[in-house]
Amino acid sequence: MEKWTPKHEAPEPLEGPVVATIVGGTVLWFVLFLVQLPFYGWFDDRGTTWWVWTCLAGGGLGLFGIWYVRGRDAAIKRDAARKAAEAQSAGVHGSEAGSTEARSAEARAAESRAAGSAGDGASDAEAGPRS
């Protein structure tokens, strides 16, 4: 089973224009719904009305997605602003900021190792194959 054991850590997720992507997809679903609506009879004759309703469902789920990603984006920005304010109020500047970030990264790594050794299975990938 060694073939499927990860050899390295997964990369960080890519961040992009998430809100714009979800809005674009939602608009596309609603446009497809509106384009198919005049042909509802044609779809009904062939028993494929689910095409029309799938587009409407996609648009509806897209509205939920817009709400969700806007909230997520706002939370990420609030967290970044809070961290910047904390760093500024603590008087961290220049090289001190880099060393503080390095210390916090080391602390997170240590916490991760400690949590993994607690038996949750998180450290199994790091331990390698068992004999």
C-alpha atoms as a PDB file:
ATOM      1  CA  MET A   1       0.000   0.000   0.000  1.00  0.00           C
ATOM      2  CA  GLU A   2       3.065   2.245   0.038  1.00  0.00           C
ATOM      3  CA  LYS A   3       2.137   3.347  -3.461  1.00  0.00           C
ATOM      4  CA  TRP A   4      -0.740   5.457  -2.072  1.00  0.00           C
ATOM      5  CA  THR A   5       1.126   6.920   0.900  1.00  0.00           C
ATOM      6  CA  PRO A   6       1.700  10.649   0.415  1.00  0.00           C
ATOM      7  CA  LYS A   7       5.357  11.529   0.004  1.00  0.00           C
ATOM      8  CA  HIS A   8       4.978  15.266   0.718  1.00  0.00           C
ATOM      9  CA  GLU A   9       2.562  17.725   2.257  1.00  0.00           C
ATOM     10  CA  ALA A  10      -0.326  19.031   0.219  1.00  0.00           C
ATOM     11  CA  PRO A  11       0.176  22.544  -1.156  1.00  0.00           C
ATOM     12  CA  GLU A  12      -1.748  25.488   0.246  1.00  0.00           C
ATOM     13  CA  PRO A  13      -5.106  26.058  -1.463  1.00  0.00           C
ATOM     14  CA  LEU A  14      -5.158  28.674  -4.187  1.00  0.00           C
ATOM     15  CA  GLU A  15      -7.070  31.848  -3.456  1.00  0.00           C
ATOM     16  CA  GLY A  16      -8.581  33.673  -6.380  1.00  0.00           C
ATOM     17  CA  PRO A  17     -11.574  35.824  -7.197  1.00  0.00           C
ATOM     18  CA  VAL A  18     -13.990  33.418  -5.490  1.00  0.00           C
ATOM     19  CA  VAL A  19     -16.948  35.815  -5.244  1.00  0.00           C
ATOM     20  CA  ALA A  20     -16.696  36.798  -8.910  1.00  0.00           C
ATOM     21  CA  THR A  21     -16.446  33.140  -9.939  1.00  0.00           C
ATOM     22  CA  ILE A  22     -19.570  32.159  -7.999  1.00  0.00           C
ATOM     23  CA  VAL A  23     -21.514  35.191  -9.270  1.00  0.00           C
ATOM     24  CA  GLY A  24     -20.522  34.343 -12.856  1.00  0.00           C
ATOM     25  CA  GLY A  25     -21.624  30.736 -12.474  1.00  0.00           C
ATOM     26  CA  THR A  26     -24.933  31.763 -10.884  1.00  0.00           C
ATOM     27  CA  VAL A  27     -25.659  34.222 -13.674  1.00  0.00           C
ATOM     28  CA  LEU A  28     -24.868  31.507 -16.216  1.00  0.00           C
ATOM     29  CA  TRP A  29     -27.337  29.076 -14.577  1.00  0.00           C
ATOM     30  CA  PHE A  30     -30.110  31.702 -14.568  1.00  0.00           C
ATOM     31  CA  VAL A  31     -29.401  32.652 -18.206  1.00  0.00           C
ATOM     32  CA  LEU A  32     -29.602  28.981 -19.208  1.00  0.00           C
ATOM     33  CA  PHE A  33     -32.900  28.692 -17.340  1.00  0.00           C
ATOM     34  CA  LEU A  34     -34.337  31.741 -19.102  1.00  0.00           C
ATOM     35  CA  VAL A  35     -33.119  30.549 -22.520  1.00  0.00           C
ATOM     36  CA  GLN A  36     -34.756  27.135 -22.060  1.00  0.00           C
ATOM     37  CA  LEU A  37     -38.021  28.431 -20.576  1.00  0.00           C
ATOM     38  CA  PRO A  38     -39.662  29.352 -23.942  1.00  0.00           C
ATOM     39  CA  PHE A  39     -39.002  25.777 -25.115  1.00  0.00           C
ATOM     40  CA  TYR A  40     -40.608  24.141 -22.076  1.00  0.00           C
ATOM     41  CA  GLY A  41     -43.201  22.377 -24.275  1.00  0.00           C
ATOM     42  CA  TRP A  42     -40.468  20.870 -26.433  1.00  0.00           C
ATOM     43  CA  PHE A  43     -38.678  19.570 -23.325  1.00  0.00           C
ATOM     44  CA  ASP A  44     -41.991  18.286 -21.921  1.00  0.00           C
ATOM     45  CA  ASP A  45     -42.777  16.353 -25.121  1.00  0.00           C
ATOM     46  CA  ARG A  46     -39.461  14.513 -24.816  1.00  0.00           C
ATOM     47  CA  GLY A  47     -39.615  13.966 -21.050  1.00  0.00           C
ATOM     48  CA  THR A  48     -36.561  16.128 -20.392  1.00  0.00           C
ATOM     49  CA  THR A  49     -38.039  18.976 -18.348  1.00  0.00           C
ATOM     50  CA  TRP A  50     -35.431  18.206 -15.728  1.00  0.00           C
ATOM     51  CA  TRP A  51     -32.997  20.211 -17.877  1.00  0.00           C
ATOM     52  CA  VAL A  52     -35.004  23.368 -17.235  1.00  0.00           C
ATOM     53  CA  TRP A  53     -35.394  22.688 -13.511  1.00  0.00           C
ATOM     54  CA  THR A  54     -31.729  21.775 -13.137  1.00  0.00           C
ATOM     55  CA  CYS A  55     -30.787  25.234 -14.388  1.00  0.00           C
ATOM     56  CA  LEU A  56     -33.187  26.851 -11.924  1.00  0.00           C
ATOM     57  CA  ALA A  57     -31.794  24.741  -9.087  1.00  0.00           C
ATOM     58  CA  GLY A  58     -28.246  25.689 -10.108  1.00  0.00           C
ATOM     59  CA  GLY A  59     -29.184  29.365  -9.987  1.00  0.00           C
ATOM     60  CA  GLY A  60     -30.828  28.940  -6.586  1.00  0.00           C
ATOM     61  CA  LEU A  61     -27.827  27.104  -5.165  1.00  0.00           C
ATOM     62  CA  GLY A  62     -25.633  29.779  -6.685  1.00  0.00           C
ATOM     63  CA  LEU A  63     -27.494  32.429  -4.662  1.00  0.00           C
ATOM     64  CA  PHE A  64     -26.660  30.457  -1.524  1.00  0.00           C
ATOM     65  CA  GLY A  65     -23.060  30.208  -2.752  1.00  0.00           C
ATOM     66  CA  ILE A  66     -22.840  33.978  -3.251  1.00  0.00           C
ATOM     67  CA  TRP A  67     -24.086  34.561   0.286  1.00  0.00           C
ATOM     68  CA  TYR A  68     -21.598  32.024   1.667  1.00  0.00           C
ATOM     69  CA  VAL A  69     -18.470  33.204  -0.174  1.00  0.00           C
ATOM     70  CA  ARG A  70     -19.203  36.879   0.530  1.00  0.00           C
ATOM     71  CA  GLY A  71     -19.394  36.068   4.231  1.00  0.00           C
ATOM     72  CA  ARG A  72     -16.213  34.006   4.026  1.00  0.00           C
ATOM     73  CA  ASP A  73     -14.393  36.776   2.170  1.00  0.00           C
ATOM     74  CA  ALA A  74     -15.525  39.352   4.749  1.00  0.00           C
ATOM     75  CA  ALA A  75     -14.368  37.094   7.606  1.00  0.00           C
ATOM     76  CA  ILE A  76     -10.937  36.636   5.995  1.00  0.00           C
ATOM     77  CA  LYS A  77     -10.576  40.407   5.584  1.00  0.00           C
ATOM     78  CA  ARG A  78     -11.701  41.048   9.188  1.00  0.00           C
ATOM     79  CA  ASP A  79      -9.161  38.522  10.465  1.00  0.00           C
ATOM     80  CA  ALA A  80      -6.355  40.081   8.417  1.00  0.00           C
ATOM     81  CA  ALA A  81      -7.283  43.553   9.693  1.00  0.00           C
ATOM     82  CA  ARG A  82      -7.391  42.285  13.286  1.00  0.00           C
ATOM     83  CA  LYS A  83      -3.962  40.676  12.937  1.00  0.00           C
ATOM     84  CA  ALA A  84      -2.536  43.845  11.378  1.00  0.00           C
ATOM     85  CA  ALA A  85      -3.977  45.951  14.214  1.00  0.00           C
ATOM     86  CA  GLU A  86      -2.543  43.585  16.826  1.00  0.00           C
ATOM     87  CA  ALA A  87       0.868  43.674  15.171  1.00  0.00           C
ATOM     88  CA  GLN A  88       0.781  47.451  14.991  1.00  0.00           C
ATOM     89  CA  SER A  89      -0.349  47.880  18.601  1.00  0.00           C
ATOM     90  CA  ALA A  90       2.374  45.502  19.795  1.00  0.00           C
ATOM     91  CA  GLY A  91       4.952  47.676  18.049  1.00  0.00           C
ATOM     92  CA  VAL A  92       6.165  44.903  15.774  1.00  0.00           C
ATOM     93  CA  HIS A  93       8.093  46.348  12.838  1.00  0.00           C
ATOM     94  CA  GLY A  94      10.648  45.210  10.273  1.00  0.00           C
ATOM     95  CA  SER A  95      12.720  42.185  11.255  1.00  0.00           C
ATOM     96  CA  GLU A  96      10.765  41.661  14.463  1.00  0.00           C
ATOM     97  CA  ALA A  97       7.679  40.879  12.391  1.00  0.00           C
ATOM     98  CA  GLY A  98       9.521  38.160  10.486  1.00  0.00           C
ATOM     99  CA  SER A  99      10.816  36.565  13.649  1.00  0.00           C
ATOM    100  CA  THR A 100       7.352  36.734  15.237  1.00  0.00           C
ATOM    101  CA  GLU A 101       5.831  35.038  12.178  1.00  0.00           C
ATOM    102  CA  ALA A 102       8.544  32.366  12.293  1.00  0.00           C
ATOM    103  CA  ARG A 103       7.890  31.754  15.999  1.00  0.00           C
ATOM    104  CA  SER A 104       4.132  31.476  15.406  1.00  0.00           C
ATOM    105  CA  ALA A 105       4.723  29.068  12.500  1.00  0.00           C
ATOM    106  CA  GLU A 106       6.948  26.967  14.739  1.00  0.00           C
ATOM    107  CA  ALA A 107       4.292  27.028  17.468  1.00  0.00           C
ATOM    108  CA  ARG A 108       1.605  25.889  14.981  1.00  0.00           C
ATOM    109  CA  ALA A 109       3.855  23.073  13.783  1.00  0.00           C
ATOM    110  CA  ALA A 110       4.475  21.963  17.361  1.00  0.00           C
ATOM    111  CA  GLU A 111       0.734  22.045  18.112  1.00  0.00           C
ATOM    112  CA  SER A 112       0.079  20.025  14.971  1.00  0.00           C
ATOM    113  CA  ARG A 113       2.631  17.404  15.996  1.00  0.00           C
ATOM    114  CA  ALA A 114       1.158  17.266  19.499  1.00  0.00           C
ATOM    115  CA  ALA A 115      -2.370  16.857  18.131  1.00  0.00           C
ATOM    116  CA  GLY A 116      -1.158  14.136  15.766  1.00  0.00           C
ATOM    117  CA  SER A 117       0.422  12.155  18.575  1.00  0.00           C
ATOM    118  CA  ALA A 118      -2.866  12.294  20.500  1.00  0.00           C
ATOM    119  CA  GLY A 119      -4.111   9.465  18.274  1.00  0.00           C
ATOM    120  CA  ASP A 120      -6.281  11.281  15.770  1.00  0.00           C
ATOM    121  CA  GLY A 121      -4.349   9.753  12.887  1.00  0.00           C
ATOM    122  CA  ALA A 122      -3.031  13.088  11.585  1.00  0.00           C
ATOM    123  CA  SER A 123       0.574  11.999  11.962  1.00  0.00           C
ATOM    124  CA  ASP A 124       0.137   8.644  10.205  1.00  0.00           C
ATOM    125  CA  ALA A 125       1.207  10.129   6.861  1.00  0.00           C
ATOM    126  CA  GLU A 126       4.343  11.588   8.423  1.00  0.00           C
ATOM    127  CA  ALA A 127       5.243   8.330  10.185  1.00  0.00           C
ATOM    128  CA  GLY A 128       5.522   6.428   6.913  1.00  0.00           C
ATOM    129  CA  PRO A 129       4.380   2.895   6.162  1.00  0.00           C
ATOM    130  CA  ARG A 130       3.969   0.499   9.051  1.00  0.00           C
ATOM    131  CA  SER A 131       5.555  -2.899   8.986  1.00  0.00           C
END
